[in-house]
Amino acid sequence: MRTSLPLTEKQRKAMLPYKQNVGEIYRTVDWLRDTILNESREEFCTALENLRHQLGELEALVYKKSRS
């Protein structure tokens, strides 16, 4: 079960442009958790690669925004 920490208003506003990306990452993390619980190694590897890809995309977006 995922726990959450309350965000400040400043943090919420900073994340707004990346809301869709963060949502996808949360879904992938849930998928990872489920594959661990189901002991599905192949699905775990797929989910892990998907998470790496999504984090790379988010990193690129944040970097691009910080440079502009």
Protein backbone atom coordinates (compact mmCIF):
# COMPACT_ATOMS: atom_id res chain seq x y z
CA MET A 1 0.00 0.00 0.00
CA ARG A 2 1.40 3.34 -1.05
CA THR A 3 1.55 6.12 1.49
CA SER A 4 1.52 9.74 0.53
CA LEU A 5 2.98 12.87 1.97
CA PRO A 6 1.08 16.14 1.80
CA LEU A 7 2.51 18.54 -0.76
CA THR A 8 2.91 22.23 -0.24
CA GLU A 9 1.13 24.60 -2.60
CA LYS A 10 4.47 25.46 -4.23
CA GLN A 11 5.23 21.75 -4.83
CA ARG A 12 1.74 21.19 -6.28
CA LYS A 13 2.15 24.08 -8.73
CA ALA A 14 5.62 22.90 -9.76
CA MET A 15 4.29 19.40 -10.55
CA LEU A 16 1.26 20.58 -12.53
CA PRO A 17 2.97 20.48 -15.97
CA TYR A 18 4.05 16.88 -15.27
CA LYS A 19 0.77 15.60 -13.83
CA GLN A 20 0.19 13.07 -16.63
CA ASN A 21 3.77 11.74 -16.42
CA VAL A 22 3.61 11.36 -12.64
CA GLY A 23 0.27 9.55 -12.93
CA GLU A 24 1.76 7.08 -15.42
CA ILE A 25 4.73 6.48 -13.12
CA TYR A 26 2.42 5.76 -10.17
CA ARG A 27 0.49 3.24 -12.29
CA THR A 28 3.74 1.56 -13.31
CA VAL A 29 4.92 1.38 -9.69
CA ASP A 30 1.61 -0.29 -8.83
CA TRP A 31 2.19 -2.71 -11.71
CA LEU A 32 5.66 -3.49 -10.33
CA ARG A 33 4.19 -4.17 -6.90
CA ASP A 34 1.58 -6.50 -8.37
CA THR A 35 4.15 -8.45 -10.39
CA ILE A 36 6.22 -8.95 -7.24
CA LEU A 37 3.18 -10.20 -5.36
CA ASN A 38 2.29 -12.52 -8.26
CA GLU A 39 5.91 -13.66 -8.62
CA SER A 40 5.86 -12.90 -12.33
CA ARG A 41 9.49 -12.32 -13.28
CA GLU A 42 8.83 -11.60 -16.96
CA GLU A 43 6.16 -8.99 -16.20
CA PHE A 44 8.39 -7.47 -13.50
CA CYS A 45 11.20 -6.97 -16.03
CA THR A 46 8.78 -5.40 -18.50
CA ALA A 47 7.34 -3.08 -15.85
CA LEU A 48 10.81 -2.11 -14.67
CA GLU A 49 11.89 -1.20 -18.21
CA ASN A 50 8.68 0.77 -18.63
CA LEU A 51 9.39 2.67 -15.40
CA ARG A 52 12.94 3.45 -16.51
CA HIS A 53 11.61 4.80 -19.80
CA GLN A 54 8.96 6.94 -18.09
CA LEU A 55 11.48 8.37 -15.62
CA GLY A 56 13.79 9.21 -18.52
CA GLU A 57 10.98 11.05 -20.28
CA LEU A 58 10.13 12.97 -17.12
CA GLU A 59 13.79 13.85 -16.60
CA ALA A 60 14.00 15.20 -20.16
CA LEU A 61 10.86 17.31 -19.68
CA VAL A 62 12.11 18.77 -16.40
CA TYR A 63 15.54 19.47 -17.89
CA LYS A 64 14.03 21.14 -20.95
CA LYS A 65 11.77 23.31 -18.78
CA SER A 66 14.65 24.31 -16.48
CA ARG A 67 16.72 25.40 -19.49
CA SER A 68 14.01 27.66 -20.91
